[in-house]
Amino acid sequence: MNLQELFGIALRAIRAHKMRSFLTLLGIIIGVSTIVGVVGVISGLNRYVAEKVIVMGPDVYILTKFGIIRGREEFLQAVKRPPIRFQEYERLVAAELPTVAQVGSGTGTTLAIRNGDRRLPDVQVVGSTANFADLFSLEFEGGRFFSESEVSAASNVAVIGANTREELFPYQDPLGHTILVGGLPFRVIGVMPKQGRSIGFNQDGRIYIPIQVYRKNFMPPNQSLEIYVKARGGVEGLPASQDEVRAFFRSLRHTSWSAPDPFGILNQEALQELWKAISGAAFILLVLISSVSLGVGGIVIMNIMLVSVAERTPEIGIRMALGARKKDIRRQFLLEAALLSLFGGILGVLLGTLGVMGVHAITGFPAQVTLPIIATSVILSTLVGLAAGFLPALRASRLIVIDAIRAE
């Protein structure tokens, strides 16, 4: 028997029991749709984090009190570190280290802001140096960032995000208008474009003000700064710059050679590796959970195919008597199982894709379904069907012709 004949027989067998075939596919549909949804959301998140959340350049790194915390012991150790002071930032700037191209600083808190009778209670207010926009590649829909002279003079100027503009200035251009930040008046000089919200980051809800204004009016005594450093020589100069700044700060803080760094260092690569480790662990966990549905679907297909072999035993006997070979019988049942699982995989891909599109459309949550995800899901579901159909196919091919014909 050729493949076309086997394919026709398999399709007829599936159509003969439409409802049973659909119920058989439910496990495969649920498993595949879950995998497509999970992979689509995580791959979209990875792209979003790389492009939107981790916005500093590859040659920029941050000195911070905490750094990357991977466990309880690291957290307890980081809590004991002294805060990074503005005077330490000034000492680093004055040092003019040869491997450092730029040095900036910033910190923040949440404050209430107001424009007339419109009020936002908890807005992230960031006090920063004037080169923050350059270090983090900020874009502007209108206006500009504050200048060095405005920082030095502690001018009450502010740059607002898209959400803040929409809430406080829904019907007018905010540039030049005055808002109250923590009860103090600030003139809006810049507006940032909409960047989106994800995984706890709201880039659109921030307000930037000069760091000297922030220190004078809003900064608690023990709040730690972050120091932003741009390496000279681009990415190639990053390791040497980090080593030189690390040595400078250890010397500044009189840290003994055997003691750990009393600060943390973050760079783009470290943040991306941390995110990939987190998302990778979540991906593995969710795929394992989804695989249970695929496994259950495979078991259901195997059991239904065994029932089908029992029901069609006389038919199998007649076909073998008319010249069908054992490998033809095996191929027929393997093809039926593979087709069942393939149909389930296609329906699962469609359902998962619709789910991802719905999540993106309703919430704006970053998600994408790519061709490799679709191809992998369809291939995986087909392989599950082949594995599930192996035992029924083997049992059907081993039937004795006379006994099979006489079976009821």
Protein backbone atom coordinates (compact mmCIF):
# COMPACT_ATOMS: atom_id res chain seq x y z
CA MET A 1 0.00 0.00 0.00
CA ASN A 2 1.30 3.43 -0.86
CA LEU A 3 1.25 6.44 1.45
CA GLN A 4 -1.74 8.04 -0.29
CA GLU A 5 -3.92 4.99 0.35
CA LEU A 6 -2.79 4.81 3.99
CA PHE A 7 -3.51 8.51 4.40
CA GLY A 8 -7.03 8.09 3.00
CA ILE A 9 -7.80 5.13 5.28
CA ALA A 10 -6.50 7.02 8.32
CA LEU A 11 -8.64 10.09 7.53
CA ARG A 12 -11.75 7.95 7.06
CA ALA A 13 -11.15 6.26 10.40
CA ILE A 14 -10.81 9.63 12.13
CA ARG A 15 -13.94 11.06 10.46
CA ALA A 16 -15.93 7.97 11.39
CA HIS A 17 -15.72 8.97 15.08
CA LYS A 18 -15.59 12.77 15.03
CA MET A 19 -16.60 13.39 18.64
CA ARG A 20 -14.28 10.71 20.00
CA SER A 21 -11.43 12.07 17.90
CA PHE A 22 -12.01 15.62 19.20
CA LEU A 23 -12.16 14.53 22.83
CA THR A 24 -8.98 12.54 22.24
CA LEU A 25 -7.23 15.70 21.09
CA LEU A 26 -8.10 17.85 24.12
CA GLY A 27 -4.93 16.97 26.03
CA ILE A 28 -2.75 17.79 23.01
CA ILE A 29 -4.66 21.03 22.33
CA ILE A 30 -4.31 22.22 25.93
CA GLY A 31 -0.62 21.25 26.13
CA VAL A 32 0.37 22.86 22.82
CA SER A 33 -1.65 26.04 23.38
CA THR A 34 -0.06 26.45 26.81
CA ILE A 35 3.43 25.99 25.41
CA VAL A 36 2.79 28.46 22.58
CA GLY A 37 1.39 31.01 25.03
CA VAL A 38 4.20 30.63 27.55
CA VAL A 39 6.98 30.74 24.97
CA GLY A 40 5.32 33.64 23.17
CA VAL A 41 5.04 35.75 26.31
CA ILE A 42 8.56 34.96 27.56
CA SER A 43 10.22 35.57 24.19
CA GLY A 44 8.35 38.86 23.93
CA LEU A 45 9.44 39.79 27.43
CA ASN A 46 13.07 38.96 26.65
CA ARG A 47 12.96 41.29 23.66
CA TYR A 48 11.20 44.01 25.66
CA VAL A 49 13.70 43.81 28.52
CA ALA A 50 16.64 43.99 26.12
CA GLU A 51 15.23 46.96 24.21
CA LYS A 52 13.17 48.93 26.73
CA VAL A 53 13.87 48.04 30.35
CA ILE A 54 17.65 47.65 30.29
CA VAL A 55 18.09 50.97 28.55
CA MET A 56 21.67 51.81 29.50
CA GLY A 57 24.32 51.37 26.85
CA PRO A 58 26.64 48.36 26.79
CA ASP A 59 29.54 50.60 27.84
CA VAL A 60 27.71 52.03 30.89
CA TYR A 61 27.73 50.52 34.36
CA ILE A 62 26.24 51.47 37.73
CA LEU A 63 27.76 51.58 41.20
CA THR A 64 25.04 50.86 43.72
CA LYS A 65 24.75 49.86 47.34
CA PHE A 66 23.04 46.56 46.62
CA GLY A 67 24.04 45.32 43.16
CA ILE A 68 22.53 42.02 42.02
CA ILE A 69 21.10 40.04 44.94
CA ARG A 70 20.81 36.28 44.38
CA GLY A 71 19.95 35.09 47.86
CA ARG A 72 19.27 35.88 51.50
CA GLU A 73 22.93 35.95 52.57
CA GLU A 74 23.85 38.37 49.79
CA PHE A 75 20.94 40.60 50.80
CA LEU A 76 21.97 40.64 54.48
CA GLN A 77 25.53 41.47 53.48
CA ALA A 78 24.40 44.26 51.15
CA VAL A 79 22.18 45.84 53.83
CA LYS A 80 25.27 46.36 56.01
CA ARG A 81 27.08 48.35 53.32
CA PRO A 82 27.25 52.11 53.81
CA PRO A 83 25.18 54.23 51.43
CA ILE A 84 26.88 55.83 48.45
CA ARG A 85 27.22 59.53 49.21
CA PHE A 86 27.16 62.53 46.89
CA GLN A 87 30.64 63.43 48.14
CA GLU A 88 31.93 60.08 46.82
CA TYR A 89 30.41 60.88 43.44
CA GLU A 90 32.19 64.24 43.50
CA ARG A 91 35.50 62.56 44.41
CA LEU A 92 35.13 60.19 41.46
CA VAL A 93 34.41 63.07 39.10
CA ALA A 94 37.40 65.03 40.43
CA ALA A 95 39.70 62.03 40.04
CA GLU A 96 39.33 62.15 36.23
CA LEU A 97 40.29 58.49 35.86
CA PRO A 98 41.74 57.74 32.42
CA THR A 99 39.34 54.84 31.72
CA VAL A 100 36.22 56.89 32.53
CA ALA A 101 34.49 58.99 29.87
CA GLN A 102 31.49 60.24 31.88
CA VAL A 103 30.21 60.05 35.44
CA GLY A 104 26.63 60.74 36.48
CA SER A 105 24.52 60.17 39.56
CA GLY A 106 20.92 59.80 40.59
CA THR A 107 18.42 58.45 43.08
CA GLY A 108 14.70 58.64 43.61
CA THR A 109 11.57 58.28 45.71
CA THR A 110 7.79 58.40 45.30
CA LEU A 111 6.00 61.70 45.77
CA ALA A 112 2.57 63.22 45.13
CA ILE A 113 2.34 65.58 42.15
CA ARG A 114 -0.41 67.96 41.23
CA ASN A 115 -1.62 70.22 38.46
CA GLY A 116 -4.60 72.24 39.63
CA ASP A 117 -7.24 69.80 40.82
CA ARG A 118 -5.56 66.83 39.13
CA ARG A 119 -3.41 64.81 41.53
CA LEU A 120 -1.26 61.68 41.30
CA PRO A 121 -0.38 60.25 44.75
CA ASP A 122 2.61 57.98 44.09
CA VAL A 123 4.87 59.03 41.24
CA GLN A 124 8.49 57.98 40.96
CA VAL A 125 10.59 61.14 41.13
CA VAL A 126 14.21 60.75 40.04
CA GLY A 127 16.85 63.30 40.92
CA SER A 128 19.76 63.04 38.50
CA THR A 129 22.70 64.82 36.95
CA ALA A 130 22.35 66.49 33.57
CA ASN A 131 24.12 63.69 31.65
CA PHE A 132 21.53 61.09 32.72
CA ALA A 133 19.68 61.47 29.42
CA ASP A 134 22.84 60.73 27.45
CA LEU A 135 23.94 57.82 29.63
CA PHE A 136 20.55 56.11 29.34
CA SER A 137 19.65 57.20 25.80
CA LEU A 138 16.44 58.98 26.80
CA GLU A 139 14.17 60.20 24.01
CA PHE A 140 11.90 63.22 24.04
CA GLU A 141 8.52 63.86 22.48
CA GLY A 142 8.91 67.55 23.19
CA GLY A 143 11.26 69.88 25.02
CA ARG A 144 14.59 68.81 26.49
CA PHE A 145 16.43 67.49 29.53
CA PHE A 146 17.82 69.91 32.11
CA SER A 147 21.31 71.37 31.67
CA GLU A 148 24.43 71.42 33.86
CA SER A 149 23.74 75.03 34.83
CA GLU A 150 20.19 74.14 35.90
CA VAL A 151 21.54 71.32 38.04
CA SER A 152 24.20 73.56 39.63
CA ALA A 153 21.67 76.30 40.30
CA ALA A 154 19.16 73.79 41.72
CA SER A 155 16.51 75.07 39.31
CA ASN A 156 12.98 73.82 39.81
CA VAL A 157 12.56 72.24 36.37
CA ALA A 158 11.14 68.81 35.53
CA VAL A 159 10.93 66.29 32.70
CA ILE A 160 7.76 64.19 32.81
CA GLY A 161 6.80 60.82 31.38
CA ALA A 162 3.89 60.03 29.06
CA ASN A 163 1.53 58.77 31.78
CA THR A 164 2.12 61.85 33.89
CA ARG A 165 1.39 64.09 30.91
CA GLU A 166 -1.84 62.19 30.11
CA GLU A 167 -3.07 62.39 33.71
CA LEU A 168 -2.12 65.98 34.49
CA PHE A 169 -2.39 67.59 31.04
CA PRO A 170 -5.01 65.63 29.08
CA TYR A 171 -6.03 68.55 26.87
CA GLN A 172 -2.97 70.81 26.65
CA ASP A 173 0.75 70.91 25.99
CA PRO A 174 2.53 70.67 29.37
CA LEU A 175 5.71 72.45 28.26
CA GLY A 176 6.17 75.66 30.21
CA HIS A 177 3.43 74.87 32.70
CA THR A 178 4.04 74.50 36.44
CA ILE A 179 3.30 71.38 38.46
CA LEU A 180 3.63 70.73 42.18
CA VAL A 181 6.08 67.95 43.08
CA GLY A 182 5.99 67.13 46.77
CA GLY A 183 4.32 70.48 47.29
CA LEU A 184 7.01 72.49 45.45
CA PRO A 185 6.49 74.19 42.08
CA PHE A 186 8.41 72.85 39.06
CA ARG A 187 8.32 74.10 35.48
CA VAL A 188 7.92 71.36 32.86
CA ILE A 189 10.72 71.61 30.28
CA GLY A 190 10.54 68.15 28.67
CA VAL A 191 8.09 65.36 27.85
CA MET A 192 9.13 61.77 27.14
CA PRO A 193 7.33 59.50 24.63
CA LYS A 194 5.28 56.50 25.66
CA GLN A 195 7.51 53.50 26.34
CA GLY A 196 5.14 51.01 27.97
CA ARG A 197 4.90 49.12 31.21
CA SER A 198 6.15 45.62 32.01
CA ILE A 199 7.42 43.36 34.84
CA GLY A 200 7.10 46.08 37.45
CA PHE A 201 8.77 48.84 35.42
CA ASN A 202 6.71 51.90 34.54
CA GLN A 203 8.95 54.01 32.36
CA ASP A 204 6.06 56.37 31.59
CA GLY A 205 5.26 57.28 35.18
CA ARG A 206 8.58 58.89 36.09
CA ILE A 207 9.52 62.53 36.65
CA TYR A 208 13.13 63.71 36.41
CA ILE A 209 14.40 66.72 38.36
CA PRO A 210 17.93 68.09 38.98
CA ILE A 211 19.77 66.14 41.65
CA GLN A 212 20.66 69.25 43.66
CA VAL A 213 16.97 70.12 43.99
CA TYR A 214 16.25 66.55 45.04
CA ARG A 215 19.06 66.54 47.63
CA LYS A 216 17.92 69.87 49.05
CA ASN A 217 14.22 69.07 49.38
CA PHE A 218 13.45 65.35 49.21
CA MET A 219 16.50 63.21 50.00
CA PRO A 220 16.49 61.37 53.38
CA PRO A 221 19.80 61.47 55.31
CA ASN A 222 20.71 57.82 54.75
CA GLN A 223 19.47 57.37 51.19
CA SER A 224 22.07 55.88 48.86
CA LEU A 225 22.88 57.29 45.45
CA GLU A 226 23.59 55.38 42.28
CA ILE A 227 26.68 56.39 40.29
CA TYR A 228 26.57 55.93 36.52
CA VAL A 229 29.88 55.48 34.71
CA LYS A 230 30.52 55.42 30.97
CA ALA A 231 33.72 53.61 30.05
CA ARG A 232 36.23 55.27 27.77
CA GLY A 233 36.84 53.26 24.62
CA GLY A 234 33.36 51.75 24.37
CA VAL A 235 32.56 48.14 25.19
CA GLU A 236 36.21 47.10 24.82
CA GLY A 237 37.17 49.52 27.59
CA LEU A 238 34.46 48.35 30.01
CA PRO A 239 36.49 45.72 31.96
CA ALA A 240 39.45 48.05 32.51
CA SER A 241 37.15 50.91 33.54
CA GLN A 242 35.25 48.71 36.02
CA ASP A 243 38.53 47.49 37.53
CA GLU A 244 39.90 51.03 37.90
CA VAL A 245 36.69 52.42 39.45
CA ARG A 246 36.42 49.40 41.75
CA ALA A 247 39.98 49.96 42.98
CA PHE A 248 39.30 53.69 43.42
CA PHE A 249 36.20 53.09 45.55
CA ARG A 250 37.85 50.40 47.64
CA SER A 251 40.68 52.82 48.36
CA LEU A 252 38.23 55.65 49.05
CA ARG A 253 36.42 53.49 51.60
CA HIS A 254 39.63 52.05 53.06
CA THR A 255 38.59 48.49 52.25
CA SER A 256 41.18 45.84 53.11
CA TRP A 257 42.44 43.62 50.27
CA SER A 258 40.74 40.50 51.73
CA ALA A 259 37.31 42.10 52.26
CA PRO A 260 34.55 41.98 49.62
CA ASP A 261 33.53 45.10 47.72
CA PRO A 262 31.41 47.43 49.90
CA PHE A 263 29.25 48.22 46.87
CA GLY A 264 27.75 46.49 43.85
CA ILE A 265 28.36 46.97 40.13
CA LEU A 266 25.66 46.53 37.50
CA ASN A 267 26.10 46.55 33.74
CA GLN A 268 23.90 45.69 30.80
CA GLU A 269 25.35 42.21 30.35
CA ALA A 270 24.90 41.31 34.04
CA LEU A 271 21.29 42.52 34.05
CA GLN A 272 20.46 40.63 30.87
CA GLU A 273 22.06 37.45 32.24
CA LEU A 274 20.08 37.82 35.46
CA TRP A 275 16.83 38.29 33.54
CA LYS A 276 17.58 35.34 31.27
CA ALA A 277 18.23 33.16 34.33
CA ILE A 278 14.90 34.23 35.87
CA SER A 279 12.89 33.89 32.66
CA GLY A 280 14.68 30.64 31.79
CA ALA A 281 13.72 29.07 35.12
CA ALA A 282 10.11 30.22 34.68
CA PHE A 283 10.10 28.92 31.12
CA ILE A 284 11.37 25.47 32.13
CA LEU A 285 8.84 25.22 34.97
CA LEU A 286 5.88 26.23 32.81
CA VAL A 287 6.94 24.03 29.91
CA LEU A 288 7.26 21.05 32.28
CA ILE A 289 3.75 21.75 33.53
CA SER A 290 2.53 22.00 29.93
CA SER A 291 4.30 18.78 29.07
CA VAL A 292 2.09 16.97 31.56
CA SER A 293 -0.89 17.85 29.35
CA LEU A 294 0.98 16.57 26.30
CA GLY A 295 1.84 13.37 28.14
CA VAL A 296 -1.75 12.89 29.22
CA GLY A 297 -2.87 13.59 25.65
CA GLY A 298 -0.44 10.97 24.38
CA ILE A 299 -1.74 8.39 26.85
CA VAL A 300 -5.32 9.15 25.81
CA ILE A 301 -4.42 8.72 22.13
CA MET A 302 -2.71 5.42 22.89
CA ASN A 303 -5.73 4.11 24.79
CA ILE A 304 -8.18 5.23 22.08
CA MET A 305 -6.01 3.62 19.42
CA LEU A 306 -5.94 0.36 21.41
CA VAL A 307 -9.75 0.50 21.55
CA SER A 308 -9.79 1.17 17.82
CA VAL A 309 -7.59 -1.87 17.18
CA ALA A 310 -9.98 -4.03 19.19
CA GLU A 311 -13.03 -2.66 17.35
CA ARG A 312 -11.47 -3.08 13.92
CA THR A 313 -9.89 -6.49 14.44
CA PRO A 314 -12.07 -8.21 11.76
CA GLU A 315 -11.26 -5.41 9.29
CA ILE A 316 -7.55 -5.85 10.00
CA GLY A 317 -7.85 -9.61 9.49
CA ILE A 318 -9.66 -9.18 6.14
CA ARG A 319 -7.06 -6.67 4.91
CA MET A 320 -4.21 -8.98 5.87
CA ALA A 321 -5.98 -11.87 4.14
CA LEU A 322 -6.23 -9.74 0.98
CA GLY A 323 -2.50 -9.13 0.96
CA ALA A 324 -1.82 -6.26 3.37
CA ARG A 325 1.58 -6.69 4.98
CA LYS A 326 2.31 -6.25 8.67
CA LYS A 327 4.24 -3.05 7.98
CA ASP A 328 1.19 -1.68 6.13
CA ILE A 329 -0.96 -2.26 9.21
CA ARG A 330 1.68 -0.65 11.44
CA ARG A 331 1.94 2.36 9.15
CA GLN A 332 -1.84 2.76 9.07
CA PHE A 333 -2.23 3.00 12.84
CA LEU A 334 0.92 5.09 13.29
CA LEU A 335 -0.40 7.48 10.66
CA GLU A 336 -3.80 7.68 12.36
CA ALA A 337 -2.19 8.49 15.71
CA ALA A 338 0.18 11.03 14.11
CA LEU A 339 -2.70 12.72 12.25
CA LEU A 340 -4.81 12.91 15.40
CA SER A 341 -1.94 14.53 17.30
CA LEU A 342 -1.06 16.79 14.36
CA PHE A 343 -4.62 18.13 14.20
CA GLY A 344 -4.51 18.69 17.94
CA GLY A 345 -1.18 20.51 17.59
CA ILE A 346 -2.54 22.80 14.86
CA LEU A 347 -5.63 23.62 16.93
CA GLY A 348 -3.40 24.19 19.97
CA VAL A 349 -1.15 26.57 18.00
CA LEU A 350 -4.19 28.52 16.81
CA LEU A 351 -5.64 28.70 20.32
CA GLY A 352 -2.30 29.68 21.86
CA THR A 353 -1.69 32.34 19.20
CA LEU A 354 -5.15 33.82 19.73
CA GLY A 355 -4.47 33.87 23.47
CA VAL A 356 -1.16 35.68 23.02
CA MET A 357 -2.74 38.19 20.63
CA GLY A 358 -5.59 38.76 23.06
CA VAL A 359 -3.23 39.36 25.99
CA HIS A 360 -1.22 41.83 23.91
CA ALA A 361 -4.30 43.65 22.63
CA ILE A 362 -6.06 43.93 25.99
CA THR A 363 -3.16 44.61 28.37
CA GLY A 364 -0.33 45.73 26.10
CA PHE A 365 1.79 42.99 27.65
CA PRO A 366 4.72 42.23 25.30
CA ALA A 367 4.20 38.90 23.58
CA GLN A 368 5.00 37.45 20.18
CA VAL A 369 4.52 34.11 18.45
CA THR A 370 7.25 33.37 15.93
CA LEU A 371 7.52 30.77 13.19
CA PRO A 372 10.06 28.64 15.12
CA ILE A 373 7.61 28.42 18.05
CA ILE A 374 4.81 27.28 15.71
CA ALA A 375 7.01 24.75 13.88
CA THR A 376 8.41 23.31 17.13
CA SER A 377 4.94 22.93 18.65
CA VAL A 378 3.53 21.16 15.57
CA ILE A 379 6.54 18.83 15.30
CA LEU A 380 6.41 18.07 19.04
CA SER A 381 2.72 17.20 18.94
CA THR A 382 3.28 14.92 15.92
CA LEU A 383 6.10 13.11 17.70
CA VAL A 384 3.84 12.60 20.72
CA GLY A 385 1.25 11.02 18.40
CA LEU A 386 3.83 8.71 16.81
CA ALA A 387 5.03 7.60 20.25
CA ALA A 388 1.44 7.07 21.42
CA GLY A 389 0.53 5.04 18.32
CA PHE A 390 3.53 2.72 18.43
CA LEU A 391 2.07 0.09 20.80
CA PRO A 392 -1.40 -0.05 19.13
CA ALA A 393 0.24 -0.29 15.70
CA LEU A 394 2.52 -3.08 16.88
CA ARG A 395 -0.41 -4.97 18.43
CA ALA A 396 -2.51 -4.61 15.25
CA SER A 397 0.30 -5.90 13.03
CA ARG A 398 0.78 -9.00 15.20
CA LEU A 399 -2.80 -10.22 14.95
CA ILE A 400 -3.25 -13.73 13.53
CA VAL A 401 -5.26 -13.46 10.32
CA ILE A 402 -7.79 -16.30 11.00
CA ASP A 403 -8.37 -15.27 14.60
CA ALA A 404 -8.78 -11.62 13.56
CA ILE A 405 -11.38 -12.47 10.88
CA ARG A 406 -13.38 -14.60 13.30
CA ALA A 407 -13.21 -12.00 16.11
CA GLU A 408 -16.46 -10.30 17.18
